[in-house]
mmCIF file of all heavy atoms, coordinates in Angstrom:
data_MODEL
# 
_entry.id   MODEL 
# 
loop_
_atom_site.group_PDB 
_atom_site.id 
_atom_site.type_symbol 
_atom_site.label_atom_id 
_atom_site.label_alt_id 
_atom_site.label_comp_id 
_atom_site.label_asym_id 
_atom_site.label_entity_id 
_atom_site.label_seq_id 
_atom_site.pdbx_PDB_ins_code 
_atom_site.Cartn_x 
_atom_site.Cartn_y 
_atom_site.Cartn_z 
_atom_site.occupancy 
_atom_site.B_iso_or_equiv 
_atom_site.pdbx_formal_charge 
_atom_site.auth_seq_id 
_atom_site.auth_comp_id 
_atom_site.auth_asym_id 
_atom_site.auth_atom_id 
_atom_site.pdbx_PDB_model_num 
ATOM 1   N N   . ARG A 1 1  ? 0.821  -1.215 0.000  1.00 0.00 ? 1  ARG A N   1 
ATOM 2   C CA  . ARG A 1 1  ? 0.000  0.000  0.000  1.00 0.00 ? 1  ARG A CA  1 
ATOM 3   C C   . ARG A 1 1  ? 0.859  1.271  0.000  1.00 0.00 ? 1  ARG A C   1 
ATOM 4   O O   . ARG A 1 1  ? 0.430  2.305  -0.506 1.00 0.00 ? 1  ARG A O   1 
ATOM 5   C CB  . ARG A 1 1  ? -0.948 -0.011 1.197  1.00 0.00 ? 1  ARG A CB  1 
ATOM 6   C CG  . ARG A 1 1  ? -2.040 -1.070 1.070  1.00 0.00 ? 1  ARG A CG  1 
ATOM 7   C CD  . ARG A 1 1  ? -2.969 -1.112 2.270  1.00 0.00 ? 1  ARG A CD  1 
ATOM 8   N NE  . ARG A 1 1  ? -4.047 -2.063 2.041  1.00 0.00 ? 1  ARG A NE  1 
ATOM 9   C CZ  . ARG A 1 1  ? -5.186 -1.779 1.423  1.00 0.00 ? 1  ARG A CZ  1 
ATOM 10  N NH1 . ARG A 1 1  ? -5.397 -0.550 0.974  1.00 0.00 ? 1  ARG A NH1 1 
ATOM 11  N NH2 . ARG A 1 1  ? -6.113 -2.708 1.262  1.00 0.00 ? 1  ARG A NH2 1 
ATOM 12  N N   . LEU A 1 2  ? 2.038  1.171  0.570  1.00 0.00 ? 2  LEU A N   1 
ATOM 13  C CA  . LEU A 1 2  ? 2.948  2.319  0.582  1.00 0.00 ? 2  LEU A CA  1 
ATOM 14  C C   . LEU A 1 2  ? 3.710  2.463  -0.722 1.00 0.00 ? 2  LEU A C   1 
ATOM 15  O O   . LEU A 1 2  ? 4.334  3.503  -0.974 1.00 0.00 ? 2  LEU A O   1 
ATOM 16  C CB  . LEU A 1 2  ? 3.948  2.176  1.742  1.00 0.00 ? 2  LEU A CB  1 
ATOM 17  C CG  . LEU A 1 2  ? 3.389  2.336  3.159  1.00 0.00 ? 2  LEU A CG  1 
ATOM 18  C CD1 . LEU A 1 2  ? 4.406  1.835  4.179  1.00 0.00 ? 2  LEU A CD1 1 
ATOM 19  C CD2 . LEU A 1 2  ? 3.022  3.790  3.435  1.00 0.00 ? 2  LEU A CD2 1 
ATOM 20  N N   . GLY A 1 3  ? 3.687  1.422  -1.533 1.00 0.00 ? 3  GLY A N   1 
ATOM 21  C CA  . GLY A 1 3  ? 4.414  1.464  -2.803 1.00 0.00 ? 3  GLY A CA  1 
ATOM 22  C C   . GLY A 1 3  ? 5.904  1.326  -2.639 1.00 0.00 ? 3  GLY A C   1 
ATOM 23  O O   . GLY A 1 3  ? 6.675  1.836  -3.464 1.00 0.00 ? 3  GLY A O   1 
ATOM 24  N N   . THR A 1 4  ? 6.328  0.627  -1.590 1.00 0.00 ? 4  THR A N   1 
ATOM 25  C CA  . THR A 1 4  ? 7.753  0.418  -1.372 1.00 0.00 ? 4  THR A CA  1 
ATOM 26  C C   . THR A 1 4  ? 8.096  -1.043 -1.601 1.00 0.00 ? 4  THR A C   1 
ATOM 27  O O   . THR A 1 4  ? 7.222  -1.883 -1.788 1.00 0.00 ? 4  THR A O   1 
ATOM 28  C CB  . THR A 1 4  ? 8.155  0.853  0.056  1.00 0.00 ? 4  THR A CB  1 
ATOM 29  O OG1 . THR A 1 4  ? 9.573  0.904  0.158  1.00 0.00 ? 4  THR A OG1 1 
ATOM 30  C CG2 . THR A 1 4  ? 7.593  -0.094 1.104  1.00 0.00 ? 4  THR A CG2 1 
ATOM 31  N N   . ARG A 1 5  ? 9.364  -1.363 -1.577 1.00 0.00 ? 5  ARG A N   1 
ATOM 32  C CA  . ARG A 1 5  ? 9.835  -2.705 -1.919 1.00 0.00 ? 5  ARG A CA  1 
ATOM 33  C C   . ARG A 1 5  ? 9.236  -3.763 -0.999 1.00 0.00 ? 5  ARG A C   1 
ATOM 34  O O   . ARG A 1 5  ? 9.218  -3.601 0.226  1.00 0.00 ? 5  ARG A O   1 
ATOM 35  C CB  . ARG A 1 5  ? 11.360 -2.742 -1.829 1.00 0.00 ? 5  ARG A CB  1 
ATOM 36  C CG  . ARG A 1 5  ? 11.995 -4.032 -2.335 1.00 0.00 ? 5  ARG A CG  1 
ATOM 37  C CD  . ARG A 1 5  ? 13.487 -3.873 -2.453 1.00 0.00 ? 5  ARG A CD  1 
ATOM 38  N NE  . ARG A 1 5  ? 14.093 -3.484 -1.179 1.00 0.00 ? 5  ARG A NE  1 
ATOM 39  C CZ  . ARG A 1 5  ? 15.362 -3.121 -1.052 1.00 0.00 ? 5  ARG A CZ  1 
ATOM 40  N NH1 . ARG A 1 5  ? 16.129 -3.042 -2.127 1.00 0.00 ? 5  ARG A NH1 1 
ATOM 41  N NH2 . ARG A 1 5  ? 15.832 -2.791 0.134  1.00 0.00 ? 5  ARG A NH2 1 
ATOM 42  N N   . LEU A 1 6  ? 8.752  -4.855 -1.594 1.00 0.00 ? 6  LEU A N   1 
ATOM 43  C CA  . LEU A 1 6  ? 8.102  -5.918 -0.836 1.00 0.00 ? 6  LEU A CA  1 
ATOM 44  C C   . LEU A 1 6  ? 9.151  -6.878 -0.291 1.00 0.00 ? 6  LEU A C   1 
ATOM 45  O O   . LEU A 1 6  ? 9.594  -7.804 -0.977 1.00 0.00 ? 6  LEU A O   1 
ATOM 46  C CB  . LEU A 1 6  ? 7.105  -6.679 -1.723 1.00 0.00 ? 6  LEU A CB  1 
ATOM 47  C CG  . LEU A 1 6  ? 5.927  -5.869 -2.277 1.00 0.00 ? 6  LEU A CG  1 
ATOM 48  C CD1 . LEU A 1 6  ? 5.068  -6.730 -3.190 1.00 0.00 ? 6  LEU A CD1 1 
ATOM 49  C CD2 . LEU A 1 6  ? 5.084  -5.312 -1.139 1.00 0.00 ? 6  LEU A CD2 1 
ATOM 50  N N   . THR A 1 7  ? 9.541  -6.652 0.944  1.00 0.00 ? 7  THR A N   1 
ATOM 51  C CA  . THR A 1 7  ? 10.535 -7.512 1.579  1.00 0.00 ? 7  THR A CA  1 
ATOM 52  C C   . THR A 1 7  ? 9.949  -8.333 2.710  1.00 0.00 ? 7  THR A C   1 
ATOM 53  O O   . THR A 1 7  ? 10.553 -9.321 3.131  1.00 0.00 ? 7  THR A O   1 
ATOM 54  C CB  . THR A 1 7  ? 11.692 -6.674 2.134  1.00 0.00 ? 7  THR A CB  1 
ATOM 55  O OG1 . THR A 1 7  ? 11.177 -5.804 3.171  1.00 0.00 ? 7  THR A OG1 1 
ATOM 56  C CG2 . THR A 1 7  ? 12.332 -5.816 1.043  1.00 0.00 ? 7  THR A CG2 1 
ATOM 57  N N   . GLY A 1 8  ? 8.809  -7.906 3.247  1.00 0.00 ? 8  GLY A N   1 
ATOM 58  C CA  . GLY A 1 8  ? 8.255  -8.573 4.416  1.00 0.00 ? 8  GLY A CA  1 
ATOM 59  C C   . GLY A 1 8  ? 8.990  -8.230 5.699  1.00 0.00 ? 8  GLY A C   1 
ATOM 60  O O   . GLY A 1 8  ? 8.691  -8.777 6.760  1.00 0.00 ? 8  GLY A O   1 
ATOM 61  N N   . THR A 1 9  ? 9.943  -7.309 5.607  1.00 0.00 ? 9  THR A N   1 
ATOM 62  C CA  . THR A 1 9  ? 10.701 -6.867 6.780  1.00 0.00 ? 9  THR A CA  1 
ATOM 63  C C   . THR A 1 9  ? 10.549 -5.362 6.953  1.00 0.00 ? 9  THR A C   1 
ATOM 64  O O   . THR A 1 9  ? 10.695 -4.608 5.993  1.00 0.00 ? 9  THR A O   1 
ATOM 65  C CB  . THR A 1 9  ? 12.195 -7.205 6.625  1.00 0.00 ? 9  THR A CB  1 
ATOM 66  O OG1 . THR A 1 9  ? 12.350 -8.625 6.515  1.00 0.00 ? 9  THR A OG1 1 
ATOM 67  C CG2 . THR A 1 9  ? 12.993 -6.710 7.824  1.00 0.00 ? 9  THR A CG2 1 
ATOM 68  N N   . PHE A 1 10 ? 10.249 -4.945 8.159  1.00 0.00 ? 10 PHE A N   1 
ATOM 69  C CA  . PHE A 1 10 ? 10.103 -3.515 8.458  1.00 0.00 ? 10 PHE A CA  1 
ATOM 70  C C   . PHE A 1 10 ? 11.510 -2.928 8.560  1.00 0.00 ? 10 PHE A C   1 
ATOM 71  O O   . PHE A 1 10 ? 12.072 -2.771 9.640  1.00 0.00 ? 10 PHE A O   1 
ATOM 72  C CB  . PHE A 1 10 ? 9.346  -3.340 9.776  1.00 0.00 ? 10 PHE A CB  1 
ATOM 73  C CG  . PHE A 1 10 ? 8.688  -1.991 9.948  1.00 0.00 ? 10 PHE A CG  1 
ATOM 74  C CD1 . PHE A 1 10 ? 7.421  -1.884 10.494 1.00 0.00 ? 10 PHE A CD1 1 
ATOM 75  C CD2 . PHE A 1 10 ? 9.332  -0.821 9.572  1.00 0.00 ? 10 PHE A CD2 1 
ATOM 76  C CE1 . PHE A 1 10 ? 6.815  -0.653 10.674 1.00 0.00 ? 10 PHE A CE1 1 
ATOM 77  C CE2 . PHE A 1 10 ? 8.749  0.420  9.739  1.00 0.00 ? 10 PHE A CE2 1 
ATOM 78  C CZ  . PHE A 1 10 ? 7.480  0.499  10.294 1.00 0.00 ? 10 PHE A CZ  1 
ATOM 79  N N   . ASP A 1 11 ? 12.076 -2.594 7.409  1.00 0.00 ? 11 ASP A N   1 
ATOM 80  C CA  . ASP A 1 11 ? 13.448 -2.119 7.315  1.00 0.00 ? 11 ASP A CA  1 
ATOM 81  C C   . ASP A 1 11 ? 13.493 -0.598 7.271  1.00 0.00 ? 11 ASP A C   1 
ATOM 82  O O   . ASP A 1 11 ? 12.471 0.086  7.406  1.00 0.00 ? 11 ASP A O   1 
ATOM 83  C CB  . ASP A 1 11 ? 14.136 -2.720 6.089  1.00 0.00 ? 11 ASP A CB  1 
ATOM 84  C CG  . ASP A 1 11 ? 13.292 -2.566 4.823  1.00 0.00 ? 11 ASP A CG  1 
ATOM 85  O OD1 . ASP A 1 11 ? 12.395 -1.688 4.795  1.00 0.00 ? 11 ASP A OD1 1 
ATOM 86  O OD2 . ASP A 1 11 ? 13.525 -3.320 3.865  1.00 0.00 ? 11 ASP A OD2 1 
ATOM 87  N N   . ASN A 1 12 ? 14.690 -0.049 7.046  1.00 0.00 ? 12 ASN A N   1 
ATOM 88  C CA  . ASN A 1 12 ? 14.850 1.408  7.011  1.00 0.00 ? 12 ASN A CA  1 
ATOM 89  C C   . ASN A 1 12 ? 14.041 2.046  5.896  1.00 0.00 ? 12 ASN A C   1 
ATOM 90  O O   . ASN A 1 12 ? 13.457 3.121  6.074  1.00 0.00 ? 12 ASN A O   1 
ATOM 91  C CB  . ASN A 1 12 ? 16.335 1.764  6.843  1.00 0.00 ? 12 ASN A CB  1 
ATOM 92  C CG  . ASN A 1 12 ? 17.091 1.760  8.157  1.00 0.00 ? 12 ASN A CG  1 
ATOM 93  O OD1 . ASN A 1 12 ? 16.779 2.524  9.066  1.00 0.00 ? 12 ASN A OD1 1 
ATOM 94  N ND2 . ASN A 1 12 ? 18.063 0.879  8.270  1.00 0.00 ? 12 ASN A ND2 1 
ATOM 95  N N   . ARG A 1 13 ? 13.998 1.397  4.737  1.00 0.00 ? 13 ARG A N   1 
ATOM 96  C CA  . ARG A 1 13 ? 13.229 1.943  3.625  1.00 0.00 ? 13 ARG A CA  1 
ATOM 97  C C   . ARG A 1 13 ? 11.739 2.032  3.982  1.00 0.00 ? 13 ARG A C   1 
ATOM 98  O O   . ARG A 1 13 ? 11.079 3.035  3.711  1.00 0.00 ? 13 ARG A O   1 
ATOM 99  C CB  . ARG A 1 13 ? 13.420 1.069  2.380  1.00 0.00 ? 13 ARG A CB  1 
ATOM 100 C CG  . ARG A 1 13 ? 12.768 1.631  1.114  1.00 0.00 ? 13 ARG A CG  1 
ATOM 101 C CD  . ARG A 1 13 ? 12.785 0.577  0.011  1.00 0.00 ? 13 ARG A CD  1 
ATOM 102 N NE  . ARG A 1 13 ? 14.146 0.189  -0.337 1.00 0.00 ? 13 ARG A NE  1 
ATOM 103 C CZ  . ARG A 1 13 ? 14.829 0.719  -1.343 1.00 0.00 ? 13 ARG A CZ  1 
ATOM 104 N NH1 . ARG A 1 13 ? 14.277 1.662  -2.099 1.00 0.00 ? 13 ARG A NH1 1 
ATOM 105 N NH2 . ARG A 1 13 ? 16.047 0.299  -1.612 1.00 0.00 ? 13 ARG A NH2 1 
ATOM 106 N N   . THR A 1 14 ? 11.227 0.984  4.605  1.00 0.00 ? 14 THR A N   1 
ATOM 107 C CA  . THR A 1 14 ? 9.819  0.979  5.019  1.00 0.00 ? 14 THR A CA  1 
ATOM 108 C C   . THR A 1 14 ? 9.572  2.019  6.096  1.00 0.00 ? 14 THR A C   1 
ATOM 109 O O   . THR A 1 14 ? 8.539  2.715  6.084  1.00 0.00 ? 14 THR A O   1 
ATOM 110 C CB  . THR A 1 14 ? 9.427  -0.420 5.532  1.00 0.00 ? 14 THR A CB  1 
ATOM 111 O OG1 . THR A 1 14 ? 9.730  -1.394 4.531  1.00 0.00 ? 14 THR A OG1 1 
ATOM 112 C CG2 . THR A 1 14 ? 7.948  -0.485 5.872  1.00 0.00 ? 14 THR A CG2 1 
ATOM 113 N N   . TRP A 1 15 ? 10.493 2.133  7.044  1.00 0.00 ? 15 TRP A N   1 
ATOM 114 C CA  . TRP A 1 15 ? 10.356 3.122  8.121  1.00 0.00 ? 15 TRP A CA  1 
ATOM 115 C C   . TRP A 1 15 ? 10.252 4.525  7.549  1.00 0.00 ? 15 TRP A C   1 
ATOM 116 O O   . TRP A 1 15 ? 9.400  5.321  7.956  1.00 0.00 ? 15 TRP A O   1 
ATOM 117 C CB  . TRP A 1 15 ? 11.560 2.988  9.054  1.00 0.00 ? 15 TRP A CB  1 
ATOM 118 C CG  . TRP A 1 15 ? 11.525 3.851  10.277 1.00 0.00 ? 15 TRP A CG  1 
ATOM 119 C CD1 . TRP A 1 15 ? 10.661 3.779  11.326 1.00 0.00 ? 15 TRP A CD1 1 
ATOM 120 C CD2 . TRP A 1 15 ? 12.418 4.925  10.590 1.00 0.00 ? 15 TRP A CD2 1 
ATOM 121 N NE1 . TRP A 1 15 ? 10.960 4.737  12.269 1.00 0.00 ? 15 TRP A NE1 1 
ATOM 122 C CE2 . TRP A 1 15 ? 12.034 5.448  11.852 1.00 0.00 ? 15 TRP A CE2 1 
ATOM 123 C CE3 . TRP A 1 15 ? 13.521 5.483  9.934  1.00 0.00 ? 15 TRP A CE3 1 
ATOM 124 C CZ2 . TRP A 1 15 ? 12.702 6.512  12.451 1.00 0.00 ? 15 TRP A CZ2 1 
ATOM 125 C CZ3 . TRP A 1 15 ? 14.190 6.541  10.546 1.00 0.00 ? 15 TRP A CZ3 1 
ATOM 126 C CH2 . TRP A 1 15 ? 13.781 7.047  11.789 1.00 0.00 ? 15 TRP A CH2 1 
ATOM 127 N N   . ARG A 1 16 ? 11.094 4.844  6.573  1.00 0.00 ? 16 ARG A N   1 
ATOM 128 C CA  . ARG A 1 16 ? 11.042 6.172  5.945  1.00 0.00 ? 16 ARG A CA  1 
ATOM 129 C C   . ARG A 1 16 ? 9.737  6.355  5.166  1.00 0.00 ? 16 ARG A C   1 
ATOM 130 O O   . ARG A 1 16 ? 9.145  7.443  5.173  1.00 0.00 ? 16 ARG A O   1 
ATOM 131 C CB  . ARG A 1 16 ? 12.244 6.364  5.027  1.00 0.00 ? 16 ARG A CB  1 
ATOM 132 C CG  . ARG A 1 16 ? 13.569 6.502  5.777  1.00 0.00 ? 16 ARG A CG  1 
ATOM 133 C CD  . ARG A 1 16 ? 14.680 6.969  4.858  1.00 0.00 ? 16 ARG A CD  1 
ATOM 134 N NE  . ARG A 1 16 ? 14.965 5.989  3.804  1.00 0.00 ? 16 ARG A NE  1 
ATOM 135 C CZ  . ARG A 1 16 ? 15.882 5.041  3.913  1.00 0.00 ? 16 ARG A CZ  1 
ATOM 136 N NH1 . ARG A 1 16 ? 16.592 4.922  5.022  1.00 0.00 ? 16 ARG A NH1 1 
ATOM 137 N NH2 . ARG A 1 16 ? 16.101 4.208  2.904  1.00 0.00 ? 16 ARG A NH2 1 
ATOM 138 N N   . SER A 1 17 ? 9.259  5.296  4.505  1.00 0.00 ? 17 SER A N   1 
ATOM 139 C CA  . SER A 1 17 ? 8.005  5.379  3.754  1.00 0.00 ? 17 SER A CA  1 
ATOM 140 C C   . SER A 1 17 ? 6.818  5.615  4.678  1.00 0.00 ? 17 SER A C   1 
ATOM 141 O O   . SER A 1 17 ? 5.908  6.385  4.361  1.00 0.00 ? 17 SER A O   1 
ATOM 142 C CB  . SER A 1 17 ? 7.789  4.093  2.945  1.00 0.00 ? 17 SER A CB  1 
ATOM 143 O OG  . SER A 1 17 ? 8.780  3.932  1.956  1.00 0.00 ? 17 SER A OG  1 
ATOM 144 N N   . VAL A 1 18 ? 6.818  4.948  5.814  1.00 0.00 ? 18 VAL A N   1 
ATOM 145 C CA  . VAL A 1 18 ? 5.741  5.138  6.794  1.00 0.00 ? 18 VAL A CA  1 
ATOM 146 C C   . VAL A 1 18 ? 5.718  6.583  7.274  1.00 0.00 ? 18 VAL A C   1 
ATOM 147 O O   . VAL A 1 18 ? 4.654  7.220  7.349  1.00 0.00 ? 18 VAL A O   1 
ATOM 148 C CB  . VAL A 1 18 ? 5.904  4.168  7.987  1.00 0.00 ? 18 VAL A CB  1 
ATOM 149 C CG1 . VAL A 1 18 ? 4.958  4.545  9.130  1.00 0.00 ? 18 VAL A CG1 1 
ATOM 150 C CG2 . VAL A 1 18 ? 5.646  2.730  7.552  1.00 0.00 ? 18 VAL A CG2 1 
ATOM 151 N N   . LYS A 1 19 ? 6.872  7.147  7.582  1.00 0.00 ? 19 LYS A N   1 
ATOM 152 C CA  . LYS A 1 19 ? 6.914  8.532  8.054  1.00 0.00 ? 19 LYS A CA  1 
ATOM 153 C C   . LYS A 1 19 ? 6.453  9.510  6.970  1.00 0.00 ? 19 LYS A C   1 
ATOM 154 O O   . LYS A 1 19 ? 5.743  10.478 7.275  1.00 0.00 ? 19 LYS A O   1 
ATOM 155 C CB  . LYS A 1 19 ? 8.324  8.881  8.522  1.00 0.00 ? 19 LYS A CB  1 
ATOM 156 C CG  . LYS A 1 19 ? 8.752  8.170  9.796  1.00 0.00 ? 19 LYS A CG  1 
ATOM 157 C CD  . LYS A 1 19 ? 9.971  8.817  10.413 1.00 0.00 ? 19 LYS A CD  1 
ATOM 158 C CE  . LYS A 1 19 ? 11.167 8.719  9.487  1.00 0.00 ? 19 LYS A CE  1 
ATOM 159 N NZ  . LYS A 1 19 ? 12.342 9.414  10.044 1.00 0.00 ? 19 LYS A NZ  1 
ATOM 160 N N   . ARG A 1 20 ? 6.838  9.259  5.732  1.00 0.00 ? 20 ARG A N   1 
ATOM 161 C CA  . ARG A 1 20 ? 6.373  10.133 4.642  1.00 0.00 ? 20 ARG A CA  1 
ATOM 162 C C   . ARG A 1 20 ? 4.858  10.074 4.528  1.00 0.00 ? 20 ARG A C   1 
ATOM 163 O O   . ARG A 1 20 ? 4.196  11.114 4.346  1.00 0.00 ? 20 ARG A O   1 
ATOM 164 C CB  . ARG A 1 20 ? 7.022  9.713  3.318  1.00 0.00 ? 20 ARG A CB  1 
ATOM 165 C CG  . ARG A 1 20 ? 8.446  10.201 3.138  1.00 0.00 ? 20 ARG A CG  1 
ATOM 166 C CD  . ARG A 1 20 ? 8.876  10.086 1.696  1.00 0.00 ? 20 ARG A CD  1 
ATOM 167 N NE  . ARG A 1 20 ? 8.880  8.701  1.231  1.00 0.00 ? 20 ARG A NE  1 
ATOM 168 C CZ  . ARG A 1 20 ? 9.928  7.892  1.304  1.00 0.00 ? 20 ARG A CZ  1 
ATOM 169 N NH1 . ARG A 1 20 ? 11.057 8.317  1.843  1.00 0.00 ? 20 ARG A NH1 1 
ATOM 170 N NH2 . ARG A 1 20 ? 9.850  6.667  0.838  1.00 0.00 ? 20 ARG A NH2 1 
ATOM 171 N N   . TYR A 1 21 ? 4.305  8.868  4.604  1.00 0.00 ? 21 TYR A N   1 
ATOM 172 C CA  . TYR A 1 21 ? 2.849  8.721  4.520  1.00 0.00 ? 21 TYR A CA  1 
ATOM 173 C C   . TYR A 1 21 ? 2.178  9.455  5.682  1.00 0.00 ? 21 TYR A C   1 
ATOM 174 O O   . TYR A 1 21 ? 1.168  10.156 5.490  1.00 0.00 ? 21 TYR A O   1 
ATOM 175 C CB  . TYR A 1 21 ? 2.463  7.245  4.538  1.00 0.00 ? 21 TYR A CB  1 
ATOM 176 C CG  . TYR A 1 21 ? 0.984  7.013  4.371  1.00 0.00 ? 21 TYR A CG  1 
ATOM 177 C CD1 . TYR A 1 21 ? 0.424  6.889  3.105  1.00 0.00 ? 21 TYR A CD1 1 
ATOM 178 C CD2 . TYR A 1 21 ? 0.138  6.964  5.475  1.00 0.00 ? 21 TYR A CD2 1 
ATOM 179 C CE1 . TYR A 1 21 ? -0.946 6.701  2.940  1.00 0.00 ? 21 TYR A CE1 1 
ATOM 180 C CE2 . TYR A 1 21 ? -1.231 6.778  5.329  1.00 0.00 ? 21 TYR A CE2 1 
ATOM 181 C CZ  . TYR A 1 21 ? -1.763 6.645  4.058  1.00 0.00 ? 21 TYR A CZ  1 
ATOM 182 O OH  . TYR A 1 21 ? -3.127 6.479  3.900  1.00 0.00 ? 21 TYR A OH  1 
ATOM 183 N N   . GLN A 1 22 ? 2.703  9.319  6.864  1.00 0.00 ? 22 GLN A N   1 
ATOM 184 C CA  . GLN A 1 22 ? 2.110  9.962  8.032  1.00 0.00 ? 22 GLN A CA  1 
ATOM 185 C C   . GLN A 1 22 ? 2.136  11.482 7.908  1.00 0.00 ? 22 GLN A C   1 
ATOM 186 O O   . GLN A 1 22 ? 1.154  12.158 8.246  1.00 0.00 ? 22 GLN A O   1 
ATOM 187 C CB  . GLN A 1 22 ? 2.847  9.499  9.296  1.00 0.00 ? 22 GLN A CB  1 
ATOM 188 C CG  . GLN A 1 22 ? 2.563  8.042  9.648  1.00 0.00 ? 22 GLN A CG  1 
ATOM 189 C CD  . GLN A 1 22 ? 3.476  7.506  10.743 1.00 0.00 ? 22 GLN A CD  1 
ATOM 190 O OE1 . GLN A 1 22 ? 4.587  7.982  10.938 1.00 0.00 ? 22 GLN A OE1 1 
ATOM 191 N NE2 . GLN A 1 22 ? 3.003  6.494  11.459 1.00 0.00 ? 22 GLN A NE2 1 
ATOM 192 N N   . ARG A 1 23 ? 3.232  12.033 7.420  1.00 0.00 ? 23 ARG A N   1 
ATOM 193 C CA  . ARG A 1 23 ? 3.311  13.488 7.243  1.00 0.00 ? 23 ARG A CA  1 
ATOM 194 C C   . ARG A 1 23 ? 2.292  13.965 6.206  1.00 0.00 ? 23 ARG A C   1 
ATOM 195 O O   . ARG A 1 23 ? 1.723  15.058 6.341  1.00 0.00 ? 23 ARG A O   1 
ATOM 196 C CB  . ARG A 1 23 ? 4.716  13.888 6.800  1.00 0.00 ? 23 ARG A CB  1 
ATOM 197 C CG  . ARG A 1 23 ? 5.776  13.734 7.868  1.00 0.00 ? 23 ARG A CG  1 
ATOM 198 C CD  . ARG A 1 23 ? 7.079  14.382 7.429  1.00 0.00 ? 23 ARG A CD  1 
ATOM 199 N NE  . ARG A 1 23 ? 8.164  14.094 8.351  1.00 0.00 ? 23 ARG A NE  1 
ATOM 200 C CZ  . ARG A 1 23 ? 9.059  13.141 8.171  1.00 0.00 ? 23 ARG A CZ  1 
ATOM 201 N NH1 . ARG A 1 23 ? 9.012  12.396 7.058  1.00 0.00 ? 23 ARG A NH1 1 
ATOM 202 N NH2 . ARG A 1 23 ? 10.011 12.926 9.053  1.00 0.00 ? 23 ARG A NH2 1 
ATOM 203 N N   . ALA A 1 24 ? 2.074  13.166 5.184  1.00 0.00 ? 24 ALA A N   1 
ATOM 204 C CA  . ALA A 1 24 ? 1.176  13.569 4.099  1.00 0.00 ? 24 ALA A CA  1 
ATOM 205 C C   . ALA A 1 24 ? -0.298 13.442 4.458  1.00 0.00 ? 24 ALA A C   1 
ATOM 206 O O   . ALA A 1 24 ? -1.142 14.003 3.756  1.00 0.00 ? 24 ALA A O   1 
ATOM 207 C CB  . ALA A 1 24 ? 1.462  12.730 2.850  1.00 0.00 ? 24 ALA A CB  1 
ATOM 208 N N   . HIS A 1 25 ? -0.616 12.743 5.546  1.00 0.00 ? 25 HIS A N   1 
ATOM 209 C CA  . HIS A 1 25 ? -2.017 12.479 5.867  1.00 0.00 ? 25 HIS A CA  1 
ATOM 210 C C   . HIS A 1 25 ? -2.412 12.920 7.271  1.00 0.00 ? 25 HIS A C   1 
ATOM 211 O O   . HIS A 1 25 ? -3.358 12.371 7.854  1.00 0.00 ? 25 HIS A O   1 
ATOM 212 C CB  . HIS A 1 25 ? -2.316 10.984 5.683  1.00 0.00 ? 25 HIS A CB  1 
ATOM 213 C CG  . HIS A 1 25 ? -2.246 10.539 4.252  1.00 0.00 ? 25 HIS A CG  1 
ATOM 214 N ND1 . HIS A 1 25 ? -3.318 10.616 3.388  1.00 0.00 ? 25 HIS A ND1 1 
ATOM 215 C CD2 . HIS A 1 25 ? -1.214 10.043 3.529  1.00 0.00 ? 25 HIS A CD2 1 
ATOM 216 C CE1 . HIS A 1 25 ? -2.960 10.179 2.192  1.00 0.00 ? 25 HIS A CE1 1 
ATOM 217 N NE2 . HIS A 1 25 ? -1.682 9.820  2.250  1.00 0.00 ? 25 HIS A NE2 1 
ATOM 218 N N   . ASP A 1 26 ? -1.724 13.924 7.809  1.00 0.00 ? 26 ASP A N   1 
ATOM 219 C CA  . ASP A 1 26 ? -2.078 14.460 9.132  1.00 0.00 ? 26 ASP A CA  1 
ATOM 220 C C   . ASP A 1 26 ? -2.119 13.378 10.202 1.00 0.00 ? 26 ASP A C   1 
ATOM 221 O O   . ASP A 1 26 ? -3.014 13.350 11.052 1.00 0.00 ? 26 ASP A O   1 
ATOM 222 C CB  . ASP A 1 26 ? -3.429 15.182 9.067  1.00 0.00 ? 26 ASP A CB  1 
ATOM 223 C CG  . ASP A 1 26 ? -3.263 16.669 8.771  1.00 0.00 ? 26 ASP A CG  1 
ATOM 224 O OD1 . ASP A 1 26 ? -2.140 17.075 8.426  1.00 0.00 ? 26 ASP A OD1 1 
ATOM 225 O OD2 . ASP A 1 26 ? -4.246 17.416 8.878  1.00 0.00 ? 26 ASP A OD2 1 
ATOM 226 N N   . LEU A 1 27 ? -1.140 12.502 10.192 1.00 0.00 ? 27 LEU A N   1 
ATOM 227 C CA  . LEU A 1 27 ? -1.033 11.448 11.192 1.00 0.00 ? 27 LEU A CA  1 
ATOM 228 C C   . LEU A 1 27 ? 0.137  11.735 12.120 1.00 0.00 ? 27 LEU A C   1 
ATOM 229 O O   . LEU A 1 27 ? 1.112  12.379 11.710 1.00 0.00 ? 27 LEU A O   1 
ATOM 230 C CB  . LEU A 1 27 ? -0.816 10.093 10.510 1.00 0.00 ? 27 LEU A CB  1 
ATOM 231 C CG  . LEU A 1 27 ? -2.002 9.540  9.722  1.00 0.00 ? 27 LEU A CG  1 
ATOM 232 C CD1 . LEU A 1 27 ? -1.529 8.475  8.732  1.00 0.00 ? 27 LEU A CD1 1 
ATOM 233 C CD2 . LEU A 1 27 ? -3.039 8.956  10.678 1.00 0.00 ? 27 LEU A CD2 1 
ATOM 234 N N   . PRO A 1 28 ? 0.088  11.269 13.359 1.00 0.00 ? 28 PRO A N   1 
ATOM 235 C CA  . PRO A 1 28 ? 1.271  11.402 14.216 1.00 0.00 ? 28 PRO A CA  1 
ATOM 236 C C   . PRO A 1 28 ? 2.449  10.688 13.562 1.00 0.00 ? 28 PRO A C   1 
ATOM 237 O O   . PRO A 1 28 ? 2.341  9.522  13.176 1.00 0.00 ? 28 PRO A O   1 
ATOM 238 C CB  . PRO A 1 28 ? 0.845  10.709 15.517 1.00 0.00 ? 28 PRO A CB  1 
ATOM 239 C CG  . PRO A 1 28 ? -0.650 10.738 15.503 1.00 0.00 ? 28 PRO A CG  1 
ATOM 240 C CD  . PRO A 1 28 ? -1.041 10.625 14.060 1.00 0.00 ? 28 PRO A CD  1 
ATOM 241 N N   . VAL A 1 29 ? 3.565  11.376 13.426 1.00 0.00 ? 29 VAL A N   1 
ATOM 242 C CA  . VAL A 1 29 ? 4.727  10.791 12.750 1.00 0.00 ? 29 VAL A CA  1 
ATOM 243 C C   . VAL A 1 29 ? 5.474  9.922  13.756 1.00 0.00 ? 29 VAL A C   1 
ATOM 244 O O   . VAL A 1 29 ? 6.447  10.347 14.388 1.00 0.00 ? 29 VAL A O   1 
ATOM 245 C CB  . VAL A 1 29 ? 5.634  11.888 12.153 1.00 0.00 ? 29 VAL A CB  1 
ATOM 246 C CG1 . VAL A 1 29 ? 6.807  11.253 11.411 1.00 0.00 ? 29 VAL A CG1 1 
ATOM 247 C CG2 . VAL A 1 29 ? 4.838  12.771 11.213 1.00 0.00 ? 29 VAL A CG2 1 
# 
């Protein structure tokens, strides 16, 4: 759903993607 690499591991790339999504949608970062 985030459009990031499908690794099945919550890695640094996923962590950065989650924060970007949160900033873009008025969510607690």
